[in-house]
Amino acid sequence: MVPAYDGAIELYVRNKHLDSMHEWKAERTVLCIHGSTYPGHAMYDTPLEGFSWADYLAGHGYDVYLLDIRGYGKSTRPAEMLEDPNENSAIVDGETALRDISAAVDFILARRQISRLALLGSSWGASLAGRYTTENSEKVERLVLLGAMWFHLPAVLDPFPKKIPAYRIVKRDRALARWLRGVPDHKRELILPQAWSQSVLDSIWSSDPVGSRADPPFIRVPNGHYLDWRNYWSAGKPFYDPEKILAPVLLVQTEWDTETPPYMAQTLFPLLANSRGKQYICFGDGTHLPFFERNRLNVFAAIQSFLEGSR
C-alpha cells in the first residue's frame, strides 16, 4: 500500500520479478496502468493456463508493477462510494488518477534508485499514460499504449445530460456481451474459451469488497473518466498533446475493438511527431481485452520486443 499525494488515500501496488533479480535498471522496469472499469491487479495479473501478463513480463527479466487507481480494486475507495451514487458528482477523473500515477512512479523510482521506467497503459490507462509522459518526459523510458483513445467518429452522445453520478454499478451478467461485441458469432469461442472468460470475470468481480459479497455480485466503478470524456474528447480537446511525447511509443490495436476502434490509433500515430521511435501494430481476431484471449501471446511478444528494442 503506497500513500497517495492526497490525505487518507492508499494505493495498492503489486510487484513481480524473478527471485534471481537483484539489479534494478530503468530499461527493465515497467508500471502497468488499467482502464476505466477494471482494476490493474486483475487486468494484468489474472493467470490463464498458468501465467498472467505480469508473469510473462517478469519471466522476461522485468521488474513489473501494477497499480490500482483509487476507487478501484484493493486501493482506498473514496467515501462517496459508500453513498448512493446520485448523491455526489463523478469522482476519480483523469487529473486525480494522474496524481495517483505520479505517487506510484515516484515510489518505484525511489525504491529501486532509478530515474526512469516504462509505462504500459490500456484504454483509459493509455490516455493517462500519454498525459503523464507529456508532463514527465524525464521519467519515462518507453511508452506502450494499448487500445488508445482518440476522437470518436461519429461523435458519441453524452450518456449523462446533466450531473454525472459519482460511480456506477457494473453487473457481471452483462460483461461478456460487452466484451465480445463486434466479434462474429463463429469466432467467439475460438478467441475466448469459456473457461478463460469465467476465470477473468471471477477475478474482476472478486475485487470489490462490497460487491463481491452481494448476490449477484457487482463492482463499483468511479465515473471520473466520463468527466474526462465530457471536458475533453466530446468538447473537441485532446486530453494530452502527442507532440510533447519524446519517448519511443508503441501503439497496439485489435481488429474487433469497439471501445477504441483501430482508426483512433491510426489517427494518433502521425501526431506523435517528436517520439524517438514510434511503432503501430494492429492484431486481427482480438477485442478491447486481447491480453485475455487466444492470441494474447502474440500481443505479449510484440510489446516485449518493443520494450527490449534498441536504445
C-alpha atoms as a PDB file:
ATOM      1  CA  MET A   1       0.000   0.000   0.000  1.00  0.00           C
ATOM      2  CA  VAL A   2       1.559   3.269  -1.174  1.00  0.00           C
ATOM      3  CA  PRO A   3       0.416   6.650   0.203  1.00  0.00           C
ATOM      4  CA  ALA A   4      -1.251   8.824  -2.419  1.00  0.00           C
ATOM      5  CA  TYR A   5      -0.466  12.523  -2.682  1.00  0.00           C
ATOM      6  CA  ASP A   6      -3.855  13.216  -1.108  1.00  0.00           C
ATOM      7  CA  GLY A   7      -4.521  12.518   2.553  1.00  0.00           C
ATOM      8  CA  ALA A   8      -6.194   9.290   3.728  1.00  0.00           C
ATOM      9  CA  ILE A   9      -5.786   7.552   0.351  1.00  0.00           C
ATOM     10  CA  GLU A  10      -3.632   4.456  -0.073  1.00  0.00           C
ATOM     11  CA  LEU A  11      -2.839   2.881  -3.415  1.00  0.00           C
ATOM     12  CA  TYR A  12      -2.444  -0.828  -3.985  1.00  0.00           C
ATOM     13  CA  VAL A  13       0.708  -1.528  -5.998  1.00  0.00           C
ATOM     14  CA  ARG A  14       1.623  -5.125  -6.850  1.00  0.00           C
ATOM     15  CA  ASN A  15       5.218  -6.029  -7.762  1.00  0.00           C
ATOM     16  CA  LYS A  16       6.519  -9.128  -9.553  1.00  0.00           C
ATOM     17  CA  HIS A  17      10.032 -10.072 -10.608  1.00  0.00           C
ATOM     18  CA  LEU A  18      12.215 -13.154 -10.765  1.00  0.00           C
ATOM     19  CA  ASP A  19      13.717 -14.337  -7.470  1.00  0.00           C
ATOM     20  CA  SER A  20      17.116 -14.168  -9.121  1.00  0.00           C
ATOM     21  CA  MET A  21      16.750 -10.485  -9.985  1.00  0.00           C
ATOM     22  CA  HIS A  22      18.822  -8.247  -7.726  1.00  0.00           C
ATOM     23  CA  GLU A  23      19.911  -5.435 -10.039  1.00  0.00           C
ATOM     24  CA  TRP A  24      17.358  -2.758 -10.890  1.00  0.00           C
ATOM     25  CA  LYS A  25      17.526  -0.875 -14.184  1.00  0.00           C
ATOM     26  CA  ALA A  26      15.273   1.737 -15.766  1.00  0.00           C
ATOM     27  CA  GLU A  27      15.073  -0.208 -19.012  1.00  0.00           C
ATOM     28  CA  ARG A  28      13.884  -3.283 -17.102  1.00  0.00           C
ATOM     29  CA  THR A  29      11.167  -1.616 -15.022  1.00  0.00           C
ATOM     30  CA  VAL A  30       7.553  -1.186 -16.119  1.00  0.00           C
ATOM     31  CA  LEU A  31       4.403   0.213 -14.498  1.00  0.00           C
ATOM     32  CA  CYS A  32       1.067  -1.013 -15.896  1.00  0.00           C
ATOM     33  CA  ILE A  33      -1.970   1.282 -15.789  1.00  0.00           C
ATOM     34  CA  HIS A  34      -5.525  -0.016 -16.084  1.00  0.00           C
ATOM     35  CA  GLY A  35      -8.582   1.300 -17.907  1.00  0.00           C
ATOM     36  CA  SER A  36     -11.763   2.922 -16.651  1.00  0.00           C
ATOM     37  CA  THR A  37     -13.654  -0.181 -15.467  1.00  0.00           C
ATOM     38  CA  TYR A  38     -11.446  -2.991 -14.179  1.00  0.00           C
ATOM     39  CA  PRO A  39      -8.598  -2.753 -11.607  1.00  0.00           C
ATOM     40  CA  GLY A  40      -4.942  -3.155 -12.510  1.00  0.00           C
ATOM     41  CA  HIS A  41      -4.158  -6.221 -10.428  1.00  0.00           C
ATOM     42  CA  ALA A  42      -6.975  -8.166 -12.118  1.00  0.00           C
ATOM     43  CA  MET A  43      -6.225  -6.862 -15.607  1.00  0.00           C
ATOM     44  CA  TYR A  44      -2.543  -7.667 -15.603  1.00  0.00           C
ATOM     45  CA  ASP A  45      -2.224 -10.491 -13.102  1.00  0.00           C
ATOM     46  CA  THR A  46      -5.073 -12.940 -13.707  1.00  0.00           C
ATOM     47  CA  PRO A  47      -3.428 -16.230 -14.753  1.00  0.00           C
ATOM     48  CA  LEU A  48      -4.691 -18.186 -17.747  1.00  0.00           C
ATOM     49  CA  GLU A  49      -3.197 -21.625 -18.334  1.00  0.00           C
ATOM     50  CA  GLY A  50      -0.734 -20.989 -15.542  1.00  0.00           C
ATOM     51  CA  PHE A  51       0.517 -17.454 -16.090  1.00  0.00           C
ATOM     52  CA  SER A  52      -0.601 -13.834 -16.345  1.00  0.00           C
ATOM     53  CA  TRP A  53       0.782 -10.946 -18.375  1.00  0.00           C
ATOM     54  CA  ALA A  54       2.654  -9.777 -15.273  1.00  0.00           C
ATOM     55  CA  ASP A  55       4.179 -13.252 -15.008  1.00  0.00           C
ATOM     56  CA  TYR A  56       5.193 -13.078 -18.663  1.00  0.00           C
ATOM     57  CA  LEU A  57       6.883  -9.710 -18.205  1.00  0.00           C
ATOM     58  CA  ALA A  58       8.616 -10.828 -15.010  1.00  0.00           C
ATOM     59  CA  GLY A  59       9.706 -14.055 -16.670  1.00  0.00           C
ATOM     60  CA  HIS A  60      11.457 -11.991 -19.324  1.00  0.00           C
ATOM     61  CA  GLY A  61      13.512 -10.203 -16.720  1.00  0.00           C
ATOM     62  CA  TYR A  62      11.329  -7.213 -15.905  1.00  0.00           C
ATOM     63  CA  ASP A  63      10.558  -5.600 -12.568  1.00  0.00           C
ATOM     64  CA  VAL A  64       6.800  -5.281 -13.008  1.00  0.00           C
ATOM     65  CA  TYR A  65       4.415  -3.024 -11.086  1.00  0.00           C
ATOM     66  CA  LEU A  66       0.622  -2.975 -11.281  1.00  0.00           C
ATOM     67  CA  LEU A  67      -1.373  -0.030  -9.921  1.00  0.00           C
ATOM     68  CA  ASP A  68      -4.968   0.107  -8.729  1.00  0.00           C
ATOM     69  CA  ILE A  69      -6.001   3.762  -9.018  1.00  0.00           C
ATOM     70  CA  ARG A  70      -8.085   4.949  -6.028  1.00  0.00           C
ATOM     71  CA  GLY A  71     -11.658   3.696  -6.198  1.00  0.00           C
ATOM     72  CA  TYR A  72     -10.562   0.505  -7.957  1.00  0.00           C
ATOM     73  CA  GLY A  73      -9.616  -2.932  -6.686  1.00  0.00           C
ATOM     74  CA  LYS A  74      -7.626  -3.004  -3.470  1.00  0.00           C
ATOM     75  CA  SER A  75      -6.905   0.740  -3.262  1.00  0.00           C
ATOM     76  CA  THR A  76      -8.817   3.082  -0.971  1.00  0.00           C
ATOM     77  CA  ARG A  77     -12.391   3.676  -2.039  1.00  0.00           C
ATOM     78  CA  PRO A  78     -13.374   7.345  -1.712  1.00  0.00           C
ATOM     79  CA  ALA A  79     -16.122   7.980   0.853  1.00  0.00           C
ATOM     80  CA  GLU A  80     -18.589   8.799  -1.935  1.00  0.00           C
ATOM     81  CA  MET A  81     -18.559   5.134  -2.959  1.00  0.00           C
ATOM     82  CA  LEU A  82     -20.313   4.200   0.282  1.00  0.00           C
ATOM     83  CA  GLU A  83     -23.207   6.524  -0.536  1.00  0.00           C
ATOM     84  CA  ASP A  84     -25.867   6.494  -3.213  1.00  0.00           C
ATOM     85  CA  PRO A  85     -24.073   7.339  -6.488  1.00  0.00           C
ATOM     86  CA  ASN A  86     -26.555  10.103  -7.279  1.00  0.00           C
ATOM     87  CA  GLU A  87     -25.709  11.946  -4.069  1.00  0.00           C
ATOM     88  CA  ASN A  88     -22.363  13.127  -5.479  1.00  0.00           C
ATOM     89  CA  SER A  89     -20.804  14.121  -8.779  1.00  0.00           C
ATOM     90  CA  ALA A  90     -18.310  11.968 -10.700  1.00  0.00           C
ATOM     91  CA  ILE A  91     -15.188  11.014  -8.766  1.00  0.00           C
ATOM     92  CA  VAL A  92     -11.657   9.973  -9.820  1.00  0.00           C
ATOM     93  CA  ASP A  93     -11.260  11.864 -13.064  1.00  0.00           C
ATOM     94  CA  GLY A  94      -8.062  11.946 -15.096  1.00  0.00           C
ATOM     95  CA  GLU A  95      -6.474  14.688 -13.017  1.00  0.00           C
ATOM     96  CA  THR A  96      -6.998  12.657  -9.844  1.00  0.00           C
ATOM     97  CA  ALA A  97      -5.768   9.474 -11.494  1.00  0.00           C
ATOM     98  CA  LEU A  98      -2.628  11.273 -12.674  1.00  0.00           C
ATOM     99  CA  ARG A  99      -1.794  12.177  -9.085  1.00  0.00           C
ATOM    100  CA  ASP A 100      -2.056   8.506  -8.172  1.00  0.00           C
ATOM    101  CA  ILE A 101       0.154   7.507 -11.095  1.00  0.00           C
ATOM    102  CA  SER A 102       2.676  10.139 -10.022  1.00  0.00           C
ATOM    103  CA  ALA A 103       2.704   8.725  -6.487  1.00  0.00           C
ATOM    104  CA  ALA A 104       3.249   5.193  -7.810  1.00  0.00           C
ATOM    105  CA  VAL A 105       6.011   6.233 -10.222  1.00  0.00           C
ATOM    106  CA  ASP A 106       7.859   8.238  -7.587  1.00  0.00           C
ATOM    107  CA  PHE A 107       7.564   5.356  -5.128  1.00  0.00           C
ATOM    108  CA  ILE A 108       9.049   2.893  -7.647  1.00  0.00           C
ATOM    109  CA  LEU A 109      11.868   5.212  -8.703  1.00  0.00           C
ATOM    110  CA  ALA A 110      12.844   5.849  -5.082  1.00  0.00           C
ATOM    111  CA  ARG A 111      12.520   2.181  -4.136  1.00  0.00           C
ATOM    112  CA  ARG A 112      14.775   0.992  -6.971  1.00  0.00           C
ATOM    113  CA  GLN A 113      17.030   4.061  -7.098  1.00  0.00           C
ATOM    114  CA  ILE A 114      16.424   4.581 -10.792  1.00  0.00           C
ATOM    115  CA  SER A 115      15.472   7.721 -12.720  1.00  0.00           C
ATOM    116  CA  ARG A 116      13.057   6.357 -15.340  1.00  0.00           C
ATOM    117  CA  LEU A 117      10.737   3.470 -16.125  1.00  0.00           C
ATOM    118  CA  ALA A 118       8.457   2.235 -18.906  1.00  0.00           C
ATOM    119  CA  LEU A 119       4.720   2.889 -18.815  1.00  0.00           C
ATOM    120  CA  LEU A 120       2.137   0.497 -20.231  1.00  0.00           C
ATOM    121  CA  GLY A 121      -1.412   1.815 -20.353  1.00  0.00           C
ATOM    122  CA  SER A 122      -4.597   0.197 -21.636  1.00  0.00           C
ATOM    123  CA  SER A 123      -7.726   2.099 -22.763  1.00  0.00           C
ATOM    124  CA  TRP A 124      -8.296   4.995 -20.307  1.00  0.00           C
ATOM    125  CA  GLY A 125      -4.927   3.995 -18.891  1.00  0.00           C
ATOM    126  CA  ALA A 126      -3.390   4.733 -22.294  1.00  0.00           C
ATOM    127  CA  SER A 127      -4.727   8.306 -22.131  1.00  0.00           C
ATOM    128  CA  LEU A 128      -3.407   8.657 -18.603  1.00  0.00           C
ATOM    129  CA  ALA A 129      -0.003   7.253 -19.547  1.00  0.00           C
ATOM    130  CA  GLY A 130       0.169   9.562 -22.560  1.00  0.00           C
ATOM    131  CA  ARG A 131      -0.682  12.621 -20.494  1.00  0.00           C
ATOM    132  CA  TYR A 132       1.742  11.659 -17.721  1.00  0.00           C
ATOM    133  CA  THR A 133       4.528  11.283 -20.277  1.00  0.00           C
ATOM    134  CA  THR A 134       3.922  14.742 -21.737  1.00  0.00           C
ATOM    135  CA  GLU A 135       4.364  16.240 -18.264  1.00  0.00           C
ATOM    136  CA  ASN A 136       7.188  13.990 -17.003  1.00  0.00           C
ATOM    137  CA  SER A 137       9.276  13.098 -20.041  1.00  0.00           C
ATOM    138  CA  GLU A 138      12.427  12.691 -17.966  1.00  0.00           C
ATOM    139  CA  LYS A 139      10.823   9.812 -16.009  1.00  0.00           C
ATOM    140  CA  VAL A 140       9.528   7.732 -18.941  1.00  0.00           C
ATOM    141  CA  GLU A 141      11.861   5.318 -20.695  1.00  0.00           C
ATOM    142  CA  ARG A 142       9.323   3.857 -23.129  1.00  0.00           C
ATOM    143  CA  LEU A 143       5.581   4.085 -23.618  1.00  0.00           C
ATOM    144  CA  VAL A 144       3.103   1.390 -24.673  1.00  0.00           C
ATOM    145  CA  LEU A 145      -0.469   2.458 -25.467  1.00  0.00           C
ATOM    146  CA  LEU A 146      -2.887  -0.463 -25.888  1.00  0.00           C
ATOM    147  CA  GLY A 147      -6.333   0.473 -27.161  1.00  0.00           C
ATOM    148  CA  ALA A 148      -5.503   4.168 -27.178  1.00  0.00           C
ATOM    149  CA  MET A 149      -8.449   6.564 -27.207  1.00  0.00           C
ATOM    150  CA  TRP A 150      -8.639   9.447 -29.636  1.00  0.00           C
ATOM    151  CA  PHE A 151     -11.627  11.327 -31.022  1.00  0.00           C
ATOM    152  CA  HIS A 152     -14.826   9.381 -31.797  1.00  0.00           C
ATOM    153  CA  LEU A 153     -16.251   9.321 -35.317  1.00  0.00           C
ATOM    154  CA  PRO A 154     -19.124   9.990 -35.345  1.00  0.00           C
ATOM    155  CA  ALA A 155     -19.421  11.881 -32.087  1.00  0.00           C
ATOM    156  CA  VAL A 156     -20.974   9.916 -29.219  1.00  0.00           C
ATOM    157  CA  LEU A 157     -23.926  11.391 -27.332  1.00  0.00           C
ATOM    158  CA  ASP A 158     -23.319  12.257 -23.690  1.00  0.00           C
ATOM    159  CA  PRO A 159     -24.917   9.454 -21.604  1.00  0.00           C
ATOM    160  CA  PHE A 160     -25.409  11.897 -18.718  1.00  0.00           C
ATOM    161  CA  PRO A 161     -27.166  15.063 -19.936  1.00  0.00           C
ATOM    162  CA  LYS A 162     -26.757  16.733 -16.550  1.00  0.00           C
ATOM    163  CA  LYS A 163     -24.810  15.624 -13.488  1.00  0.00           C
ATOM    164  CA  ILE A 164     -22.606  12.547 -13.802  1.00  0.00           C
ATOM    165  CA  PRO A 165     -23.135  10.251 -10.775  1.00  0.00           C
ATOM    166  CA  ALA A 166     -20.149   9.586  -8.521  1.00  0.00           C
ATOM    167  CA  TYR A 167     -19.827   5.966  -9.608  1.00  0.00           C
ATOM    168  CA  ARG A 168     -21.717   3.217 -11.388  1.00  0.00           C
ATOM    169  CA  ILE A 169     -22.645  -0.364 -10.633  1.00  0.00           C
ATOM    170  CA  VAL A 170     -21.344  -2.886 -13.173  1.00  0.00           C
ATOM    171  CA  LYS A 171     -23.039  -6.288 -13.220  1.00  0.00           C
ATOM    172  CA  ARG A 172     -21.286  -9.440 -14.259  1.00  0.00           C
ATOM    173  CA  ASP A 173     -24.113 -10.824 -16.402  1.00  0.00           C
ATOM    174  CA  ARG A 174     -23.604  -8.028 -18.940  1.00  0.00           C
ATOM    175  CA  ALA A 175     -19.822  -8.149 -19.085  1.00  0.00           C
ATOM    176  CA  LEU A 176     -19.333 -10.933 -21.604  1.00  0.00           C
ATOM    177  CA  ALA A 177     -21.736  -9.460 -24.161  1.00  0.00           C
ATOM    178  CA  ARG A 178     -19.890  -6.146 -23.986  1.00  0.00           C
ATOM    179  CA  TRP A 179     -16.535  -7.907 -24.222  1.00  0.00           C
ATOM    180  CA  LEU A 180     -17.461  -9.786 -27.409  1.00  0.00           C
ATOM    181  CA  ARG A 181     -19.415  -7.018 -29.079  1.00  0.00           C
ATOM    182  CA  GLY A 182     -18.439  -6.870 -32.741  1.00  0.00           C
ATOM    183  CA  VAL A 183     -16.958 -10.381 -32.841  1.00  0.00           C
ATOM    184  CA  PRO A 184     -18.539 -12.709 -35.438  1.00  0.00           C
ATOM    185  CA  ASP A 185     -20.504 -15.495 -33.749  1.00  0.00           C
ATOM    186  CA  HIS A 186     -18.401 -18.273 -35.262  1.00  0.00           C
ATOM    187  CA  LYS A 187     -15.215 -16.675 -33.877  1.00  0.00           C
ATOM    188  CA  ARG A 188     -16.283 -16.134 -30.284  1.00  0.00           C
ATOM    189  CA  GLU A 189     -15.299 -19.486 -28.800  1.00  0.00           C
ATOM    190  CA  LEU A 190     -12.143 -19.519 -30.901  1.00  0.00           C
ATOM    191  CA  ILE A 191     -10.770 -16.290 -29.440  1.00  0.00           C
ATOM    192  CA  LEU A 192     -12.206 -16.639 -25.934  1.00  0.00           C
ATOM    193  CA  PRO A 193     -12.687 -20.105 -24.414  1.00  0.00           C
ATOM    194  CA  GLN A 194     -15.466 -20.164 -21.846  1.00  0.00           C
ATOM    195  CA  ALA A 195     -13.140 -21.314 -19.080  1.00  0.00           C
ATOM    196  CA  TRP A 196     -10.891 -18.329 -19.703  1.00  0.00           C
ATOM    197  CA  SER A 197     -13.695 -15.789 -19.603  1.00  0.00           C
ATOM    198  CA  GLN A 198     -15.019 -17.275 -16.358  1.00  0.00           C
ATOM    199  CA  SER A 199     -11.574 -17.075 -14.726  1.00  0.00           C
ATOM    200  CA  VAL A 200     -11.209 -13.439 -15.757  1.00  0.00           C
ATOM    201  CA  LEU A 201     -14.681 -12.453 -14.582  1.00  0.00           C
ATOM    202  CA  ASP A 202     -14.169 -14.319 -11.290  1.00  0.00           C
ATOM    203  CA  SER A 203     -11.002 -12.321 -10.684  1.00  0.00           C
ATOM    204  CA  ILE A 204     -12.582  -8.976 -11.529  1.00  0.00           C
ATOM    205  CA  TRP A 205     -15.825  -9.473  -9.634  1.00  0.00           C
ATOM    206  CA  SER A 206     -13.997 -10.577  -6.505  1.00  0.00           C
ATOM    207  CA  SER A 207     -12.094  -7.274  -6.429  1.00  0.00           C
ATOM    208  CA  ASP A 208     -14.848  -5.154  -4.873  1.00  0.00           C
ATOM    209  CA  PRO A 209     -15.002  -5.703  -1.093  1.00  0.00           C
ATOM    210  CA  VAL A 210     -18.686  -4.733  -1.035  1.00  0.00           C
ATOM    211  CA  GLY A 211     -19.937  -6.066  -4.351  1.00  0.00           C
ATOM    212  CA  SER A 212     -18.190  -9.424  -4.015  1.00  0.00           C
ATOM    213  CA  ARG A 213     -20.457 -10.264  -1.048  1.00  0.00           C
ATOM    214  CA  ALA A 214     -23.661  -9.414  -2.910  1.00  0.00           C
ATOM    215  CA  ASP A 215     -25.898 -11.865  -4.755  1.00  0.00           C
ATOM    216  CA  PRO A 216     -25.471 -11.411  -7.635  1.00  0.00           C
ATOM    217  CA  PRO A 217     -22.043  -9.794  -7.258  1.00  0.00           C
ATOM    218  CA  PHE A 218     -21.232  -6.382  -8.696  1.00  0.00           C
ATOM    219  CA  ILE A 219     -18.349  -3.947  -8.888  1.00  0.00           C
ATOM    220  CA  ARG A 220     -18.479  -0.228  -8.163  1.00  0.00           C
ATOM    221  CA  VAL A 221     -16.608   1.866 -10.705  1.00  0.00           C
ATOM    222  CA  PRO A 222     -15.771   5.586 -10.427  1.00  0.00           C
ATOM    223  CA  ASN A 223     -17.302   7.708 -13.187  1.00  0.00           C
ATOM    224  CA  GLY A 224     -14.458  10.204 -13.484  1.00  0.00           C
ATOM    225  CA  HIS A 225     -13.491   9.039 -16.961  1.00  0.00           C
ATOM    226  CA  TYR A 226     -16.912  10.230 -18.190  1.00  0.00           C
ATOM    227  CA  LEU A 227     -15.950  13.658 -16.900  1.00  0.00           C
ATOM    228  CA  ASP A 228     -12.737  13.458 -18.924  1.00  0.00           C
ATOM    229  CA  TRP A 229     -14.775  12.485 -21.952  1.00  0.00           C
ATOM    230  CA  ARG A 230     -17.154  15.413 -21.489  1.00  0.00           C
ATOM    231  CA  ASN A 231     -14.474  18.014 -20.773  1.00  0.00           C
ATOM    232  CA  TYR A 232     -12.000  16.879 -23.400  1.00  0.00           C
ATOM    233  CA  TRP A 233     -12.911  14.415 -26.159  1.00  0.00           C
ATOM    234  CA  SER A 234     -16.559  15.425 -26.507  1.00  0.00           C
ATOM    235  CA  ALA A 235     -15.558  19.092 -26.365  1.00  0.00           C
ATOM    236  CA  GLY A 236     -13.081  18.628 -29.215  1.00  0.00           C
ATOM    237  CA  LYS A 237      -9.997  18.932 -26.972  1.00  0.00           C
ATOM    238  CA  PRO A 238      -7.390  16.167 -26.642  1.00  0.00           C
ATOM    239  CA  PHE A 239      -6.558  15.029 -23.110  1.00  0.00           C
ATOM    240  CA  TYR A 240      -2.868  15.390 -23.986  1.00  0.00           C
ATOM    241  CA  ASP A 241      -0.661  16.738 -26.764  1.00  0.00           C
ATOM    242  CA  PRO A 242       1.029  13.830 -28.603  1.00  0.00           C
ATOM    243  CA  GLU A 243       3.735  16.145 -29.950  1.00  0.00           C
ATOM    244  CA  LYS A 244       5.054  16.533 -26.396  1.00  0.00           C
ATOM    245  CA  ILE A 245       5.840  12.814 -26.123  1.00  0.00           C
ATOM    246  CA  LEU A 246       9.557  12.293 -26.693  1.00  0.00           C
ATOM    247  CA  ALA A 247       9.962   8.679 -25.584  1.00  0.00           C
ATOM    248  CA  PRO A 248       9.664   5.752 -28.021  1.00  0.00           C
ATOM    249  CA  VAL A 249       5.978   4.808 -28.353  1.00  0.00           C
ATOM    250  CA  LEU A 250       4.196   1.626 -29.389  1.00  0.00           C
ATOM    251  CA  LEU A 251       0.505   1.802 -30.322  1.00  0.00           C
ATOM    252  CA  VAL A 252      -1.266  -1.570 -30.184  1.00  0.00           C
ATOM    253  CA  GLN A 253      -4.749  -2.132 -31.576  1.00  0.00           C
ATOM    254  CA  THR A 254      -7.041  -5.052 -32.412  1.00  0.00           C
ATOM    255  CA  GLU A 255      -9.491  -5.703 -35.220  1.00  0.00           C
ATOM    256  CA  TRP A 256     -12.701  -6.033 -33.202  1.00  0.00           C
ATOM    257  CA  ASP A 257     -12.111  -3.370 -30.565  1.00  0.00           C
ATOM    258  CA  THR A 258     -15.413  -1.489 -30.456  1.00  0.00           C
ATOM    259  CA  GLU A 259     -14.384   0.622 -27.437  1.00  0.00           C
ATOM    260  CA  THR A 260     -11.357   2.207 -29.112  1.00  0.00           C
ATOM    261  CA  PRO A 261     -11.547   1.183 -32.787  1.00  0.00           C
ATOM    262  CA  PRO A 262      -8.361   0.980 -34.890  1.00  0.00           C
ATOM    263  CA  TYR A 263      -8.969   4.335 -36.564  1.00  0.00           C
ATOM    264  CA  MET A 264      -8.226   6.039 -33.252  1.00  0.00           C
ATOM    265  CA  ALA A 265      -4.650   4.762 -33.050  1.00  0.00           C
ATOM    266  CA  GLN A 266      -4.209   5.312 -36.778  1.00  0.00           C
ATOM    267  CA  THR A 267      -5.211   8.951 -36.297  1.00  0.00           C
ATOM    268  CA  LEU A 268      -2.988   9.334 -33.242  1.00  0.00           C
ATOM    269  CA  PHE A 269       0.099   7.754 -34.821  1.00  0.00           C
ATOM    270  CA  PRO A 270       1.181  10.618 -37.120  1.00  0.00           C
ATOM    271  CA  LEU A 271       0.622  13.115 -34.297  1.00  0.00           C
ATOM    272  CA  LEU A 272       3.493  11.534 -32.334  1.00  0.00           C
ATOM    273  CA  ALA A 273       5.823  13.703 -34.343  1.00  0.00           C
ATOM    274  CA  ASN A 274       8.614  14.018 -31.770  1.00  0.00           C
ATOM    275  CA  SER A 275       8.800  10.455 -30.456  1.00  0.00           C
ATOM    276  CA  ARG A 276      12.308   8.993 -30.612  1.00  0.00           C
ATOM    277  CA  GLY A 277      10.864   5.958 -32.370  1.00  0.00           C
ATOM    278  CA  LYS A 278       7.214   5.080 -32.864  1.00  0.00           C
ATOM    279  CA  GLN A 279       5.526   1.858 -33.964  1.00  0.00           C
ATOM    280  CA  TYR A 280       1.962   0.811 -34.695  1.00  0.00           C
ATOM    281  CA  ILE A 281       0.592  -2.745 -34.675  1.00  0.00           C
ATOM    282  CA  CYS A 282      -2.967  -3.929 -35.290  1.00  0.00           C
ATOM    283  CA  PHE A 283      -3.777  -7.552 -34.497  1.00  0.00           C
ATOM    284  CA  GLY A 284      -6.597  -9.482 -36.101  1.00  0.00           C
ATOM    285  CA  ASP A 285      -9.006 -11.666 -34.128  1.00  0.00           C
ATOM    286  CA  GLY A 286      -8.958  -9.582 -30.968  1.00  0.00           C
ATOM    287  CA  THR A 287     -11.178  -7.305 -28.862  1.00  0.00           C
ATOM    288  CA  HIS A 288     -10.602  -4.496 -26.355  1.00  0.00           C
ATOM    289  CA  LEU A 289      -9.171  -7.113 -23.955  1.00  0.00           C
ATOM    290  CA  PRO A 290      -6.714  -9.083 -26.142  1.00  0.00           C
ATOM    291  CA  PHE A 291      -4.470  -9.953 -23.202  1.00  0.00           C
ATOM    292  CA  PHE A 292      -7.175 -12.398 -22.038  1.00  0.00           C
ATOM    293  CA  GLU A 293      -7.713 -14.095 -25.411  1.00  0.00           C
ATOM    294  CA  ARG A 294      -6.249 -16.883 -27.544  1.00  0.00           C
ATOM    295  CA  ASN A 295      -3.861 -14.563 -29.353  1.00  0.00           C
ATOM    296  CA  ARG A 296      -2.543 -12.991 -26.161  1.00  0.00           C
ATOM    297  CA  LEU A 297       0.962 -14.395 -26.639  1.00  0.00           C
ATOM    298  CA  ASN A 298       1.267 -12.549 -29.951  1.00  0.00           C
ATOM    299  CA  VAL A 299       0.352  -9.316 -28.165  1.00  0.00           C
ATOM    300  CA  PHE A 300       2.731 -10.050 -25.298  1.00  0.00           C
ATOM    301  CA  ALA A 301       5.604 -10.881 -27.654  1.00  0.00           C
ATOM    302  CA  ALA A 302       5.164  -7.736 -29.767  1.00  0.00           C
ATOM    303  CA  ILE A 303       5.130  -5.491 -26.707  1.00  0.00           C
ATOM    304  CA  GLN A 304       8.065  -7.359 -25.195  1.00  0.00           C
ATOM    305  CA  SER A 305      10.065  -6.845 -28.393  1.00  0.00           C
ATOM    306  CA  PHE A 306       9.343  -3.129 -28.246  1.00  0.00           C
ATOM    307  CA  LEU A 307      10.310  -2.857 -24.583  1.00  0.00           C
ATOM    308  CA  GLU A 308      13.600  -4.607 -25.314  1.00  0.00           C
ATOM    309  CA  GLY A 309      14.275  -2.622 -28.504  1.00  0.00           C
ATOM    310  CA  SER A 310      17.433  -0.722 -29.310  1.00  0.00           C
ATOM    311  CA  ARG A 311      18.089   2.264 -27.085  1.00  0.00           C
END
